[in-house]
C-alpha cells in the first residue's frame, strides 16, 4: 500500500505538473533552486501505515538544527484530540547520544549517524511542481530527489516542500542510517515554529536514572 501510494504521488507530481502549469499558468518563471527546511520547527508527522487503524499513531516532531537535536513524541490521534503515549526519543546529535523515554524510564544509547541537514544538496533533482487543496484555495509544492551518502548514512530521499517557503509536506526515505535499514513515507501537518523550547531539555528521569 505504501509503495503504490508513493508511486501515485510521484506520478501526479511529474506527469500532472505539466497539466497544472497549463491550467494555472507557470508557477515558476525558472526551475526552482534546492531550498532549506526551517532550521527550527515543530510538526505532527504521520506514517502512511497508521492510516488503517482506528486510533492513528502520530509523532510530534521537534527539530533544532543549530543545536543539533531532534525530539519525537509518540501520540495517538482520535476524532477528538491528540494524546501523548508517554514514549519519547531525544536525539542529541551534537553529543552523539540517543535517549529513549517511556514514562519514568530513560535509556541511553550511542547515536552513530549524522542529523538530516535542513538544506537539500545543490545536485538535488527537481521532479516537478503541483498543488494541494482546491484550485481556488491551494498551496503549491515542489518535489525533489537526492541522496545522503555520508555520516554513516546511505539514503535516497524524495521530499515535497511548499514552493514559497520550503516547508516540508511529504518525505520518503529509503536506505540505511546508522547501520539499520529504513523505508519511511511520512506526511507533515501542523508545521509551525517551536512554541516551547523547553521541549529540547532532557527530562529529570534522564538526568538521574539513566539505564544503558
Protein backbone atom coordinates (compact mmCIF):
# COMPACT_ATOMS: atom_id res chain seq x y z
CA UNK A 1 0.00 0.00 0.00
CA UNK A 2 2.80 2.45 0.93
CA UNK A 3 4.67 1.89 -2.33
CA UNK A 4 1.57 2.20 -4.51
CA UNK A 5 0.52 5.46 -2.87
CA UNK A 6 4.08 6.78 -3.10
CA UNK A 7 4.25 5.95 -6.80
CA UNK A 8 0.87 7.63 -7.28
CA UNK A 9 2.22 10.78 -5.63
CA UNK A 10 5.27 10.80 -7.88
CA UNK A 11 3.05 10.21 -10.94
CA UNK A 12 0.84 13.13 -10.00
CA UNK A 13 3.83 15.39 -9.43
CA UNK A 14 5.78 14.51 -12.57
CA UNK A 15 3.06 13.72 -15.12
CA UNK A 16 0.33 16.04 -13.95
CA UNK A 17 2.59 19.02 -13.23
CA UNK A 18 2.55 19.90 -16.92
CA UNK A 19 -1.24 19.94 -16.90
CA UNK A 20 -1.27 22.07 -13.76
CA UNK A 21 1.10 24.56 -15.34
CA UNK A 22 -1.08 24.72 -18.44
CA UNK A 23 -4.24 25.28 -16.40
CA UNK A 24 -2.88 27.77 -13.89
CA UNK A 25 -0.03 29.47 -15.67
CA UNK A 26 3.66 28.98 -14.93
CA UNK A 27 4.15 28.76 -11.14
CA UNK A 28 7.93 29.20 -11.51
CA UNK A 29 9.45 31.55 -14.07
CA UNK A 30 12.57 29.38 -13.95
CA UNK A 31 13.38 25.97 -12.49
CA UNK A 32 13.40 26.41 -8.70
CA UNK A 33 16.59 26.02 -6.73
CA UNK A 34 17.06 23.44 -3.95
CA UNK A 35 15.97 25.02 -0.69
CA UNK A 36 16.26 24.68 3.08
CA UNK A 37 13.70 23.47 5.60
CA UNK A 38 13.20 25.81 8.57
CA UNK A 39 16.19 25.34 10.88
CA UNK A 40 13.92 25.08 13.92
CA UNK A 41 10.34 23.85 13.65
CA UNK A 42 7.73 21.50 15.08
CA UNK A 43 5.17 19.37 13.27
CA UNK A 44 2.80 16.46 13.57
CA UNK A 45 4.17 13.64 11.42
CA UNK A 46 2.07 10.73 10.21
CA UNK A 47 3.35 7.48 8.70
CA UNK A 48 1.21 6.03 5.95
CA UNK A 49 0.96 2.66 7.71
CA UNK A 50 -1.06 4.23 10.55
CA UNK A 51 -3.94 5.20 8.25
CA UNK A 52 -5.65 1.82 8.56
CA UNK A 53 -6.11 1.78 12.35
CA UNK A 54 -8.86 3.49 14.31
CA UNK A 55 -6.57 5.34 16.71
CA UNK A 56 -3.82 6.52 14.42
CA UNK A 57 -0.29 6.74 15.78
CA UNK A 58 1.34 10.08 15.03
CA UNK A 59 4.60 11.71 16.06
CA UNK A 60 5.09 15.18 17.43
CA UNK A 61 8.40 16.19 15.86
CA UNK A 62 10.63 18.99 17.18
CA UNK A 63 13.82 19.78 15.29
CA UNK A 64 16.59 22.29 16.05
CA UNK A 65 19.41 22.16 13.55
CA UNK A 66 21.52 24.87 15.24
CA UNK A 67 21.61 22.84 18.47
CA UNK A 68 21.78 19.52 16.56
CA UNK A 69 18.87 17.99 18.46
CA UNK A 70 15.62 16.30 17.47
CA UNK A 71 12.78 15.19 19.73
CA UNK A 72 10.00 12.78 18.75
CA UNK A 73 6.97 12.24 20.97
CA UNK A 74 4.62 9.41 20.11
CA UNK A 75 0.91 10.17 20.34
CA UNK A 76 -2.42 8.72 19.27
CA UNK A 77 -4.81 10.70 17.12
CA UNK A 78 -8.53 10.23 17.69
CA UNK A 79 -11.59 12.05 16.41
CA UNK A 80 -11.40 14.28 19.48
CA UNK A 81 -7.74 15.16 20.04
CA UNK A 82 -4.10 14.06 20.08
CA UNK A 83 -2.99 12.30 23.26
CA UNK A 84 0.59 11.59 24.28
CA UNK A 85 1.55 7.98 24.97
CA UNK A 86 4.47 8.92 27.23
CA UNK A 87 7.00 7.47 24.76
CA UNK A 88 9.68 9.89 23.58
CA UNK A 89 13.04 9.76 21.80
CA UNK A 90 15.61 12.53 22.12
CA UNK A 91 18.39 12.52 19.53
CA UNK A 92 21.33 14.65 20.65
CA UNK A 93 23.49 14.65 17.54
CA UNK A 94 25.92 17.20 18.99
CA UNK A 95 26.99 14.77 21.73
CA UNK A 96 26.17 11.53 19.87
CA UNK A 97 23.56 10.31 22.36
CA UNK A 98 20.11 8.79 21.94
CA UNK A 99 17.67 8.90 24.85
CA UNK A 100 14.55 6.74 24.88
CA UNK A 101 11.96 7.78 27.46
CA UNK A 102 9.00 5.62 28.39
CA UNK A 103 7.13 7.00 31.39
CA UNK A 104 9.64 7.16 34.29
CA UNK A 105 12.22 5.04 32.50
CA UNK A 106 15.06 6.55 30.46
CA UNK A 107 17.57 4.57 28.41
CA UNK A 108 20.68 5.95 26.76
CA UNK A 109 22.49 4.61 23.70
CA UNK A 110 25.12 5.88 21.25
CA UNK A 111 23.83 7.85 18.28
CA UNK A 112 26.05 6.81 15.40
CA UNK A 113 24.73 8.75 12.40
CA UNK A 114 24.51 12.34 11.29
CA UNK A 115 21.42 14.53 11.61
CA UNK A 116 19.48 15.13 8.41
CA UNK A 117 20.52 18.52 7.11
CA UNK A 118 17.85 21.20 6.63
CA UNK A 119 19.20 22.17 3.19
CA UNK A 120 18.96 20.00 0.10
CA UNK A 121 22.26 19.39 -1.72
CA UNK A 122 22.98 21.53 -4.76
CA UNK A 123 22.70 18.48 -7.02
CA UNK A 124 19.15 17.64 -5.87
CA UNK A 125 16.96 16.64 -8.84
CA UNK A 126 13.81 18.71 -9.36
CA UNK A 127 10.90 16.34 -10.13
CA UNK A 128 8.09 18.80 -10.65
CA UNK A 129 5.50 21.13 -9.17
CA UNK A 130 1.89 20.55 -8.23
CA UNK A 131 -0.57 21.76 -5.60
CA UNK A 132 -2.71 20.52 -2.73
CA UNK A 133 -6.20 21.71 -1.89
CA UNK A 134 -8.92 23.17 -4.06
CA UNK A 135 -7.62 25.06 -7.07
CA UNK A 136 -9.08 28.37 -5.87
CA UNK A 137 -7.61 27.88 -2.38
CA UNK A 138 -4.49 25.78 -2.80
CA UNK A 139 -0.82 25.58 -1.86
CA UNK A 140 1.87 24.93 -4.46
CA UNK A 141 4.60 22.41 -3.69
CA UNK A 142 7.82 21.26 -5.35
CA UNK A 143 9.21 17.73 -5.21
CA UNK A 144 12.91 16.86 -5.13
CA UNK A 145 15.08 13.73 -5.14
CA UNK A 146 18.60 13.46 -3.70
CA UNK A 147 20.96 11.17 -1.79
CA UNK A 148 22.79 11.34 1.54
CA UNK A 149 25.88 9.11 1.48
CA UNK A 150 27.91 10.37 4.43
CA UNK A 151 27.96 10.39 8.24
CA UNK A 152 27.09 6.66 8.36
CA UNK A 153 24.12 7.18 6.03
CA UNK A 154 23.26 5.65 2.67
CA UNK A 155 19.90 7.17 1.85
CA UNK A 156 17.73 8.05 -1.10
CA UNK A 157 15.28 10.83 -0.29
CA UNK A 158 12.24 12.25 -2.06
CA UNK A 159 10.74 15.33 -0.43
CA UNK A 160 7.88 17.67 -1.26
CA UNK A 161 8.00 21.21 0.11
CA UNK A 162 5.87 24.32 -0.24
CA UNK A 163 7.05 26.40 -3.19
CA UNK A 164 7.14 29.71 -1.34
CA UNK A 165 8.82 28.81 1.97
CA UNK A 166 10.25 25.25 1.73
CA UNK A 167 8.03 23.89 4.49
CA UNK A 168 8.01 20.06 4.34
CA UNK A 169 4.82 18.31 3.21
CA UNK A 170 5.95 14.77 2.37
CA UNK A 171 9.19 12.85 2.86
CA UNK A 172 10.17 9.38 1.64
CA UNK A 173 13.46 7.97 2.92
CA UNK A 174 14.83 4.57 1.92
CA UNK A 175 18.24 3.02 2.61
CA UNK A 176 20.37 2.62 5.72
CA UNK A 177 21.18 5.02 8.55
CA UNK A 178 23.41 4.17 11.48
CA UNK A 179 23.67 0.61 10.18
CA UNK A 180 19.90 -0.01 10.24
CA UNK A 181 17.53 -0.23 7.29
CA UNK A 182 14.79 2.36 6.84
CA UNK A 183 11.88 2.78 4.43
CA UNK A 184 9.60 5.54 5.67
CA UNK A 185 6.95 7.58 3.90
CA UNK A 186 5.62 10.35 6.14
CA UNK A 187 3.40 13.39 5.85
CA UNK A 188 3.92 16.63 7.77
CA UNK A 189 1.00 18.62 9.20
CA UNK A 190 0.66 21.49 11.67
CA UNK A 191 4.15 22.77 10.83
CA UNK A 192 4.99 25.84 12.93
CA UNK A 193 7.89 27.45 14.73
CA UNK A 194 8.76 25.83 18.06
CA UNK A 195 6.39 27.28 20.64
CA UNK A 196 8.17 25.94 23.75
CA UNK A 197 11.95 25.46 23.55
CA UNK A 198 11.95 23.55 26.85
CA UNK A 199 10.83 20.51 24.81
CA UNK A 200 14.52 20.06 23.93
CA UNK A 201 15.56 19.76 27.59
CA UNK A 202 16.35 16.32 28.99
CA UNK A 203 13.65 15.19 31.42
CA UNK A 204 14.71 14.69 35.04
CA UNK A 205 14.43 10.93 34.68
CA UNK A 206 17.26 11.04 32.10
CA UNK A 207 19.45 13.11 34.42
CA UNK A 208 19.07 10.91 37.49
CA UNK A 209 18.03 7.44 36.36
CA UNK A 210 19.61 6.65 33.01
CA UNK A 211 19.85 3.00 32.02
CA UNK A 212 22.45 1.98 29.45
